[in-house]
Amino acid sequence: MSKTISSRLVGQSIKHLRQSRNWTQDQLADIVGYSVRNLRRIENDGTGSIDVVNTFADIFEVSALDILSGDVFFYIKKHWRPSSYNTYSNLLFAH
């Protein structure tokens, strides 16, 4: 059985990785060398370019395959910062 790759899933993976680092779109766009507009398009619509995926994989120190498959939650947990996720941490740790 073969898996199809969703470009939208790629965009979501990149967005989640960016948020896990508590980076703004402006910050990541500067790091990658893309315009903020282009980064927004990638996060919202994804990309079919393996070169773009490899660029983000290098920046986030993850495998391109994990970005392509959406399997980035291990990396998100590794870089998770409770202060950047107050709403989520309040929901998770509420008594």
PDB file of N, CA and C in Angstrom:
ATOM      1  N   MET A   1       0.847  -1.170   0.000  1.00  0.00           N
ATOM      2  CA  MET A   1       0.000   0.000   0.000  1.00  0.00           C
ATOM      3  C   MET A   1       0.896   1.238   0.000  1.00  0.00           C
ATOM      4  N   SER A   2       0.644   2.143  -0.903  1.00  0.00           N
ATOM      5  CA  SER A   2       1.458   3.351  -0.951  1.00  0.00           C
ATOM      6  C   SER A   2       0.712   4.507  -0.294  1.00  0.00           C
ATOM      7  N   LYS A   3       1.494   5.389   0.302  1.00  0.00           N
ATOM      8  CA  LYS A   3       0.924   6.573   0.930  1.00  0.00           C
ATOM      9  C   LYS A   3       1.019   7.747  -0.035  1.00  0.00           C
ATOM     10  N   THR A   4       0.000   8.563  -0.060  1.00  0.00           N
ATOM     11  CA  THR A   4       0.097   9.791  -0.825  1.00  0.00           C
ATOM     12  C   THR A   4       0.506  10.902   0.132  1.00  0.00           C
ATOM     13  N   ILE A   5       1.251  11.823  -0.395  1.00  0.00           N
ATOM     14  CA  ILE A   5       1.747  12.926   0.427  1.00  0.00           C
ATOM     15  C   ILE A   5       0.859  14.137   0.206  1.00  0.00           C
ATOM     16  N   SER A   6       0.351  14.666   1.278  1.00  0.00           N
ATOM     17  CA  SER A   6      -0.489  15.850   1.215  1.00  0.00           C
ATOM     18  C   SER A   6       0.385  17.090   1.395  1.00  0.00           C
ATOM     19  N   SER A   7       0.355  17.978   0.404  1.00  0.00           N
ATOM     20  CA  SER A   7       1.148  19.190   0.546  1.00  0.00           C
ATOM     21  C   SER A   7       0.628  20.041   1.703  1.00  0.00           C
ATOM     22  N   ARG A   8      -0.668  19.940   1.972  1.00  0.00           N
ATOM     23  CA  ARG A   8      -1.239  20.672   3.105  1.00  0.00           C
ATOM     24  C   ARG A   8      -0.667  20.152   4.428  1.00  0.00           C
ATOM     25  N   LEU A   9      -0.453  18.851   4.508  1.00  0.00           N
ATOM     26  CA  LEU A   9       0.156  18.249   5.692  1.00  0.00           C
ATOM     27  C   LEU A   9       1.582  18.760   5.886  1.00  0.00           C
ATOM     28  N   VAL A  10       2.290  18.954   4.796  1.00  0.00           N
ATOM     29  CA  VAL A  10       3.647  19.520   4.857  1.00  0.00           C
ATOM     30  C   VAL A  10       3.582  20.915   5.461  1.00  0.00           C
ATOM     31  N   GLY A  11       2.653  21.723   5.009  1.00  0.00           N
ATOM     32  CA  GLY A  11       2.499  23.082   5.537  1.00  0.00           C
ATOM     33  C   GLY A  11       2.158  23.077   7.014  1.00  0.00           C
ATOM     34  N   GLN A  12       1.275  22.167   7.411  1.00  0.00           N
ATOM     35  CA  GLN A  12       0.909  22.072   8.826  1.00  0.00           C
ATOM     36  C   GLN A  12       2.101  21.639   9.671  1.00  0.00           C
ATOM     37  N   SER A  13       2.893  20.713   9.140  1.00  0.00           N
ATOM     38  CA  SER A  13       4.084  20.262   9.867  1.00  0.00           C
ATOM     39  C   SER A  13       5.044  21.419  10.091  1.00  0.00           C
ATOM     40  N   ILE A  14       5.269  22.200   9.059  1.00  0.00           N
ATOM     41  CA  ILE A  14       6.177  23.348   9.165  1.00  0.00           C
ATOM     42  C   ILE A  14       5.639  24.355  10.165  1.00  0.00           C
ATOM     43  N   LYS A  15       4.351  24.611  10.116  1.00  0.00           N
ATOM     44  CA  LYS A  15       3.734  25.551  11.050  1.00  0.00           C
ATOM     45  C   LYS A  15       3.874  25.063  12.492  1.00  0.00           C
ATOM     46  N   HIS A  16       3.606  23.786  12.732  1.00  0.00           N
ATOM     47  CA  HIS A  16       3.712  23.239  14.084  1.00  0.00           C
ATOM     48  C   HIS A  16       5.153  23.287  14.593  1.00  0.00           C
ATOM     49  N   LEU A  17       6.089  22.989  13.707  1.00  0.00           N
ATOM     50  CA  LEU A  17       7.499  23.060  14.111  1.00  0.00           C
ATOM     51  C   LEU A  17       7.894  24.493  14.453  1.00  0.00           C
ATOM     52  N   ARG A  18       7.432  25.446  13.650  1.00  0.00           N
ATOM     53  CA  ARG A  18       7.725  26.861  13.923  1.00  0.00           C
ATOM     54  C   ARG A  18       7.145  27.275  15.262  1.00  0.00           C
ATOM     55  N   GLN A  19       5.905  26.905  15.503  1.00  0.00           N
ATOM     56  CA  GLN A  19       5.257  27.280  16.754  1.00  0.00           C
ATOM     57  C   GLN A  19       5.915  26.617  17.956  1.00  0.00           C
ATOM     58  N   SER A  20       6.417  25.393  17.769  1.00  0.00           N
ATOM     59  CA  SER A  20       7.069  24.702  18.881  1.00  0.00           C
ATOM     60  C   SER A  20       8.350  25.410  19.303  1.00  0.00           C
ATOM     61  N   ARG A  21       8.949  26.139  18.376  1.00  0.00           N
ATOM     62  CA  ARG A  21      10.153  26.920  18.690  1.00  0.00           C
ATOM     63  C   ARG A  21       9.797  28.328  19.176  1.00  0.00           C
ATOM     64  N   ASN A  22       8.503  28.614  19.186  1.00  0.00           N
ATOM     65  CA  ASN A  22       8.016  29.927  19.590  1.00  0.00           C
ATOM     66  C   ASN A  22       8.554  31.020  18.664  1.00  0.00           C
ATOM     67  N   TRP A  23       8.639  30.700  17.375  1.00  0.00           N
ATOM     68  CA  TRP A  23       9.094  31.644  16.362  1.00  0.00           C
ATOM     69  C   TRP A  23       7.889  32.247  15.660  1.00  0.00           C
ATOM     70  N   THR A  24       7.995  33.494  15.313  1.00  0.00           N
ATOM     71  CA  THR A  24       6.973  34.130  14.491  1.00  0.00           C
ATOM     72  C   THR A  24       7.237  33.782  13.034  1.00  0.00           C
ATOM     73  N   GLN A  25       6.258  34.053  12.195  1.00  0.00           N
ATOM     74  CA  GLN A  25       6.470  33.856  10.761  1.00  0.00           C
ATOM     75  C   GLN A  25       7.579  34.776  10.256  1.00  0.00           C
ATOM     76  N   ASP A  26       7.649  35.981  10.786  1.00  0.00           N
ATOM     77  CA  ASP A  26       8.710  36.921  10.396  1.00  0.00           C
ATOM     78  C   ASP A  26      10.086  36.348  10.717  1.00  0.00           C
ATOM     79  N   GLN A  27      10.223  35.770  11.912  1.00  0.00           N
ATOM     80  CA  GLN A  27      11.509  35.219  12.315  1.00  0.00           C
ATOM     81  C   GLN A  27      11.918  34.055  11.422  1.00  0.00           C
ATOM     82  N   LEU A  28      10.991  33.137  11.177  1.00  0.00           N
ATOM     83  CA  LEU A  28      11.320  31.985  10.348  1.00  0.00           C
ATOM     84  C   LEU A  28      11.610  32.411   8.909  1.00  0.00           C
ATOM     85  N   ALA A  29      10.844  33.357   8.402  1.00  0.00           N
ATOM     86  CA  ALA A  29      11.087  33.844   7.035  1.00  0.00           C
ATOM     87  C   ALA A  29      12.498  34.416   6.923  1.00  0.00           C
ATOM     88  N   ASP A  30      12.942  35.147   7.931  1.00  0.00           N
ATOM     89  CA  ASP A  30      14.312  35.677   7.932  1.00  0.00           C
ATOM     90  C   ASP A  30      15.342  34.559   7.952  1.00  0.00           C
ATOM     91  N   ILE A  31      15.104  33.546   8.767  1.00  0.00           N
ATOM     92  CA  ILE A  31      16.045  32.431   8.884  1.00  0.00           C
ATOM     93  C   ILE A  31      16.154  31.674   7.560  1.00  0.00           C
ATOM     94  N   VAL A  32      15.007  31.422   6.934  1.00  0.00           N
ATOM     95  CA  VAL A  32      14.971  30.637   5.706  1.00  0.00           C
ATOM     96  C   VAL A  32      15.369  31.463   4.491  1.00  0.00           C
ATOM     97  N   GLY A  33      15.127  32.769   4.568  1.00  0.00           N
ATOM     98  CA  GLY A  33      15.420  33.625   3.431  1.00  0.00           C
ATOM     99  C   GLY A  33      14.259  33.751   2.464  1.00  0.00           C
ATOM    100  N   TYR A  34      13.045  33.496   2.958  1.00  0.00           N
ATOM    101  CA  TYR A  34      11.839  33.647   2.162  1.00  0.00           C
ATOM    102  C   TYR A  34      11.107  34.902   2.618  1.00  0.00           C
ATOM    103  N   SER A  35      10.204  35.365   1.776  1.00  0.00           N
ATOM    104  CA  SER A  35       9.338  36.456   2.214  1.00  0.00           C
ATOM    105  C   SER A  35       8.297  35.883   3.177  1.00  0.00           C
ATOM    106  N   VAL A  36       7.751  36.740   4.022  1.00  0.00           N
ATOM    107  CA  VAL A  36       6.701  36.300   4.937  1.00  0.00           C
ATOM    108  C   VAL A  36       5.499  35.814   4.135  1.00  0.00           C
ATOM    109  N   ARG A  37       5.214  36.483   3.049  1.00  0.00           N
ATOM    110  CA  ARG A  37       4.089  36.087   2.194  1.00  0.00           C
ATOM    111  C   ARG A  37       4.283  34.654   1.665  1.00  0.00           C
ATOM    112  N   ASN A  38       5.496  34.345   1.230  1.00  0.00           N
ATOM    113  CA  ASN A  38       5.784  33.004   0.725  1.00  0.00           C
ATOM    114  C   ASN A  38       5.681  31.970   1.844  1.00  0.00           C
ATOM    115  N   LEU A  39       6.190  32.307   3.021  1.00  0.00           N
ATOM    116  CA  LEU A  39       6.100  31.391   4.155  1.00  0.00           C
ATOM    117  C   LEU A  39       4.643  31.129   4.523  1.00  0.00           C
ATOM    118  N   ARG A  40       3.830  32.165   4.529  1.00  0.00           N
ATOM    119  CA  ARG A  40       2.395  31.982   4.819  1.00  0.00           C
ATOM    120  C   ARG A  40       1.751  31.031   3.824  1.00  0.00           C
ATOM    121  N   ARG A  41       2.101  31.191   2.552  1.00  0.00           N
ATOM    122  CA  ARG A  41       1.562  30.293   1.519  1.00  0.00           C
ATOM    123  C   ARG A  41       1.975  28.849   1.786  1.00  0.00           C
ATOM    124  N   ILE A  42       3.228  28.669   2.156  1.00  0.00           N
ATOM    125  CA  ILE A  42       3.715  27.316   2.428  1.00  0.00           C
ATOM    126  C   ILE A  42       2.984  26.724   3.620  1.00  0.00           C
ATOM    127  N   GLU A  43       2.832  27.504   4.695  1.00  0.00           N
ATOM    128  CA  GLU A  43       2.132  26.999   5.875  1.00  0.00           C
ATOM    129  C   GLU A  43       0.659  26.715   5.599  1.00  0.00           C
ATOM    130  N   ASN A  44       0.024  27.538   4.807  1.00  0.00           N
ATOM    131  CA  ASN A  44      -1.411  27.376   4.548  1.00  0.00           C
ATOM    132  C   ASN A  44      -1.721  26.352   3.463  1.00  0.00           C
ATOM    133  N   ASP A  45      -0.913  26.352   2.407  1.00  0.00           N
ATOM    134  CA  ASP A  45      -1.217  25.519   1.250  1.00  0.00           C
ATOM    135  C   ASP A  45      -0.234  24.382   1.043  1.00  0.00           C
ATOM    136  N   GLY A  46       0.895  24.418   1.747  1.00  0.00           N
ATOM    137  CA  GLY A  46       1.908  23.394   1.581  1.00  0.00           C
ATOM    138  C   GLY A  46       2.801  23.678   0.394  1.00  0.00           C
ATOM    139  N   THR A  47       3.586  22.690   0.033  1.00  0.00           N
ATOM    140  CA  THR A  47       4.501  22.807  -1.089  1.00  0.00           C
ATOM    141  C   THR A  47       4.725  21.442  -1.697  1.00  0.00           C
ATOM    142  N   GLY A  48       4.973  21.430  -2.971  1.00  0.00           N
ATOM    143  CA  GLY A  48       5.302  20.186  -3.644  1.00  0.00           C
ATOM    144  C   GLY A  48       6.790  20.063  -3.909  1.00  0.00           C
ATOM    145  N   SER A  49       7.559  21.038  -3.467  1.00  0.00           N
ATOM    146  CA  SER A  49       8.990  21.071  -3.737  1.00  0.00           C
ATOM    147  C   SER A  49       9.787  20.363  -2.640  1.00  0.00           C
ATOM    148  N   ILE A  50      10.512  19.336  -3.031  1.00  0.00           N
ATOM    149  CA  ILE A  50      11.341  18.627  -2.058  1.00  0.00           C
ATOM    150  C   ILE A  50      12.491  19.520  -1.581  1.00  0.00           C
ATOM    151  N   ASP A  51      12.924  20.464  -2.412  1.00  0.00           N
ATOM    152  CA  ASP A  51      13.979  21.391  -1.994  1.00  0.00           C
ATOM    153  C   ASP A  51      13.515  22.261  -0.833  1.00  0.00           C
ATOM    154  N   VAL A  52      12.274  22.700  -0.892  1.00  0.00           N
ATOM    155  CA  VAL A  52      11.714  23.504   0.198  1.00  0.00           C
ATOM    156  C   VAL A  52      11.602  22.655   1.463  1.00  0.00           C
ATOM    157  N   VAL A  53      11.116  21.438   1.321  1.00  0.00           N
ATOM    158  CA  VAL A  53      10.999  20.538   2.465  1.00  0.00           C
ATOM    159  C   VAL A  53      12.375  20.297   3.084  1.00  0.00           C
ATOM    160  N   ASN A  54      13.376  20.058   2.256  1.00  0.00           N
ATOM    161  CA  ASN A  54      14.737  19.840   2.762  1.00  0.00           C
ATOM    162  C   ASN A  54      15.282  21.068   3.483  1.00  0.00           C
ATOM    163  N   THR A  55      14.961  22.248   2.987  1.00  0.00           N
ATOM    164  CA  THR A  55      15.388  23.478   3.651  1.00  0.00           C
ATOM    165  C   THR A  55      14.827  23.558   5.060  1.00  0.00           C
ATOM    166  N   PHE A  56      13.539  23.300   5.202  1.00  0.00           N
ATOM    167  CA  PHE A  56      12.917  23.348   6.525  1.00  0.00           C
ATOM    168  C   PHE A  56      13.407  22.207   7.418  1.00  0.00           C
ATOM    169  N   ALA A  57      13.636  21.056   6.833  1.00  0.00           N
ATOM    170  CA  ALA A  57      14.166  19.928   7.614  1.00  0.00           C
ATOM    171  C   ALA A  57      15.523  20.287   8.205  1.00  0.00           C
ATOM    172  N   ASP A  58      16.366  20.936   7.424  1.00  0.00           N
ATOM    173  CA  ASP A  58      17.679  21.369   7.927  1.00  0.00           C
ATOM    174  C   ASP A  58      17.535  22.389   9.048  1.00  0.00           C
ATOM    175  N   ILE A  59      16.641  23.346   8.874  1.00  0.00           N
ATOM    176  CA  ILE A  59      16.460  24.398   9.883  1.00  0.00           C
ATOM    177  C   ILE A  59      15.956  23.831  11.197  1.00  0.00           C
ATOM    178  N   PHE A  60      14.981  22.915  11.102  1.00  0.00           N
ATOM    179  CA  PHE A  60      14.378  22.365  12.321  1.00  0.00           C
ATOM    180  C   PHE A  60      15.093  21.114  12.829  1.00  0.00           C
ATOM    181  N   GLU A  61      16.119  20.683  12.106  1.00  0.00           N
ATOM    182  CA  GLU A  61      16.891  19.493  12.485  1.00  0.00           C
ATOM    183  C   GLU A  61      15.991  18.265  12.619  1.00  0.00           C
ATOM    184  N   VAL A  62      15.171  18.073  11.601  1.00  0.00           N
ATOM    185  CA  VAL A  62      14.290  16.913  11.516  1.00  0.00           C
ATOM    186  C   VAL A  62      14.508  16.272  10.155  1.00  0.00           C
ATOM    187  N   SER A  63      13.951  15.104   9.955  1.00  0.00           N
ATOM    188  CA  SER A  63      14.082  14.482   8.638  1.00  0.00           C
ATOM    189  C   SER A  63      13.002  15.030   7.701  1.00  0.00           C
ATOM    190  N   ALA A  64      13.346  15.096   6.440  1.00  0.00           N
ATOM    191  CA  ALA A  64      12.372  15.533   5.441  1.00  0.00           C
ATOM    192  C   ALA A  64      11.181  14.584   5.416  1.00  0.00           C
ATOM    193  N   LEU A  65      11.445  13.307   5.628  1.00  0.00           N
ATOM    194  CA  LEU A  65      10.370  12.311   5.634  1.00  0.00           C
ATOM    195  C   LEU A  65       9.354  12.595   6.745  1.00  0.00           C
ATOM    196  N   ASP A  66       9.837  13.036   7.907  1.00  0.00           N
ATOM    197  CA  ASP A  66       8.912  13.369   8.996  1.00  0.00           C
ATOM    198  C   ASP A  66       8.039  14.565   8.640  1.00  0.00           C
ATOM    199  N   ILE A  67       8.603  15.550   7.965  1.00  0.00           N
ATOM    200  CA  ILE A  67       7.799  16.693   7.527  1.00  0.00           C
ATOM    201  C   ILE A  67       6.790  16.236   6.486  1.00  0.00           C
ATOM    202  N   LEU A  68       7.224  15.421   5.549  1.00  0.00           N
ATOM    203  CA  LEU A  68       6.325  14.947   4.492  1.00  0.00           C
ATOM    204  C   LEU A  68       5.181  14.109   5.035  1.00  0.00           C
ATOM    205  N   SER A  69       5.461  13.336   6.068  1.00  0.00           N
ATOM    206  CA  SER A  69       4.434  12.440   6.613  1.00  0.00           C
ATOM    207  C   SER A  69       3.611  13.088   7.728  1.00  0.00           C
ATOM    208  N   GLY A  70       4.055  14.258   8.194  1.00  0.00           N
ATOM    209  CA  GLY A  70       3.357  14.911   9.295  1.00  0.00           C
ATOM    210  C   GLY A  70       3.727  14.346  10.647  1.00  0.00           C
ATOM    211  N   ASP A  71       4.752  13.531  10.690  1.00  0.00           N
ATOM    212  CA  ASP A  71       5.165  12.868  11.922  1.00  0.00           C
ATOM    213  C   ASP A  71       6.203  13.716  12.658  1.00  0.00           C
ATOM    214  N   VAL A  72       5.780  14.890  13.106  1.00  0.00           N
ATOM    215  CA  VAL A  72       6.712  15.839  13.734  1.00  0.00           C
ATOM    216  C   VAL A  72       6.453  16.019  15.227  1.00  0.00           C
ATOM    217  N   PHE A  73       5.543  15.258  15.790  1.00  0.00           N
ATOM    218  CA  PHE A  73       5.156  15.510  17.175  1.00  0.00           C
ATOM    219  C   PHE A  73       6.256  15.191  18.174  1.00  0.00           C
ATOM    220  N   PHE A  74       7.145  14.249  17.844  1.00  0.00           N
ATOM    221  CA  PHE A  74       8.290  13.998  18.716  1.00  0.00           C
ATOM    222  C   PHE A  74       9.149  15.251  18.823  1.00  0.00           C
ATOM    223  N   TYR A  75       9.363  15.919  17.706  1.00  0.00           N
ATOM    224  CA  TYR A  75      10.196  17.121  17.684  1.00  0.00           C
ATOM    225  C   TYR A  75       9.501  18.286  18.372  1.00  0.00           C
ATOM    226  N   ILE A  76       8.190  18.340  18.214  1.00  0.00           N
ATOM    227  CA  ILE A  76       7.428  19.408  18.869  1.00  0.00           C
ATOM    228  C   ILE A  76       7.526  19.239  20.378  1.00  0.00           C
ATOM    229  N   LYS A  77       7.356  18.019  20.858  1.00  0.00           N
ATOM    230  CA  LYS A  77       7.446  17.757  22.290  1.00  0.00           C
ATOM    231  C   LYS A  77       8.842  18.105  22.814  1.00  0.00           C
ATOM    232  N   LYS A  78       9.857  17.808  22.020  1.00  0.00           N
ATOM    233  CA  LYS A  78      11.244  18.073  22.406  1.00  0.00           C
ATOM    234  C   LYS A  78      11.492  19.570  22.606  1.00  0.00           C
ATOM    235  N   HIS A  79      10.859  20.405  21.792  1.00  0.00           N
ATOM    236  CA  HIS A  79      11.079  21.851  21.855  1.00  0.00           C
ATOM    237  C   HIS A  79       9.919  22.608  22.489  1.00  0.00           C
ATOM    238  N   TRP A  80       8.991  21.886  23.079  1.00  0.00           N
ATOM    239  CA  TRP A  80       7.797  22.505  23.649  1.00  0.00           C
ATOM    240  C   TRP A  80       8.160  23.406  24.809  1.00  0.00           C
ATOM    241  N   ARG A  81       7.586  24.593  24.815  1.00  0.00           N
ATOM    242  CA  ARG A  81       7.822  25.554  25.891  1.00  0.00           C
ATOM    243  C   ARG A  81       6.469  25.939  26.483  1.00  0.00           C
ATOM    244  N   PRO A  82       6.219  25.552  27.741  1.00  0.00           N
ATOM    245  CA  PRO A  82       4.909  25.818  28.338  1.00  0.00           C
ATOM    246  C   PRO A  82       4.487  27.280  28.265  1.00  0.00           C
ATOM    247  N   SER A  83       5.423  28.210  28.376  1.00  0.00           N
ATOM    248  CA  SER A  83       5.043  29.623  28.367  1.00  0.00           C
ATOM    249  C   SER A  83       4.462  30.035  27.023  1.00  0.00           C
ATOM    250  N   SER A  84       4.823  29.340  25.941  1.00  0.00           N
ATOM    251  CA  SER A  84       4.298  29.692  24.626  1.00  0.00           C
ATOM    252  C   SER A  84       2.966  29.000  24.344  1.00  0.00           C
ATOM    253  N   TYR A  85       2.557  28.132  25.236  1.00  0.00           N
ATOM    254  CA  TYR A  85       1.314  27.391  25.043  1.00  0.00           C
ATOM    255  C   TYR A  85       0.433  27.499  26.285  1.00  0.00           C
ATOM    256  N   ASN A  86       0.288  28.700  26.811  1.00  0.00           N
ATOM    257  CA  ASN A  86      -0.465  28.882  28.048  1.00  0.00           C
ATOM    258  C   ASN A  86      -1.877  28.314  27.955  1.00  0.00           C
ATOM    259  N   THR A  87      -2.565  28.557  26.874  1.00  0.00           N
ATOM    260  CA  THR A  87      -3.925  28.062  26.730  1.00  0.00           C
ATOM    261  C   THR A  87      -3.945  26.547  26.786  1.00  0.00           C
ATOM    262  N   TYR A  88      -3.030  25.911  26.052  1.00  0.00           N
ATOM    263  CA  TYR A  88      -2.986  24.459  26.036  1.00  0.00           C
ATOM    264  C   TYR A  88      -2.556  23.895  27.378  1.00  0.00           C
ATOM    265  N   SER A  89      -1.557  24.507  27.993  1.00  0.00           N
ATOM    266  CA  SER A  89      -1.086  23.969  29.267  1.00  0.00           C
ATOM    267  C   SER A  89      -2.150  24.146  30.349  1.00  0.00           C
ATOM    268  N   ASN A  90      -2.905  25.233  30.275  1.00  0.00           N
ATOM    269  CA  ASN A  90      -3.992  25.418  31.244  1.00  0.00           C
ATOM    270  C   ASN A  90      -5.049  24.340  31.085  1.00  0.00           C
ATOM    271  N   LEU A  91      -5.346  23.980  29.849  1.00  0.00           N
ATOM    272  CA  LEU A  91      -6.335  22.937  29.616  1.00  0.00           C
ATOM    273  C   LEU A  91      -5.808  21.566  30.027  1.00  0.00           C
ATOM    274  N   LEU A  92      -4.547  21.312  29.723  1.00  0.00           N
ATOM    275  CA  LEU A  92      -3.982  20.000  30.016  1.00  0.00           C
ATOM    276  C   LEU A  92      -3.759  19.753  31.502  1.00  0.00           C
ATOM    277  N   PHE A  93      -3.366  20.803  32.213  1.00  0.00           N
ATOM    278  CA  PHE A  93      -2.966  20.609  33.604  1.00  0.00           C
ATOM    279  C   PHE A  93      -3.979  21.168  34.596  1.00  0.00           C
ATOM    280  N   ALA A  94      -5.166  21.504  34.119  1.00  0.00           N
ATOM    281  CA  ALA A  94      -6.205  22.008  35.020  1.00  0.00           C
ATOM    282  C   ALA A  94      -6.692  20.869  35.926  1.00  0.00           C
ATOM    283  N   HIS A  95      -7.038  21.211  37.135  1.00  0.00           N
ATOM    284  CA  HIS A  95      -7.505  20.180  38.081  1.00  0.00           C
ATOM    285  C   HIS A  95      -9.005  20.246  38.196  1.00  0.00           C
TER     286      HIS A  95
END
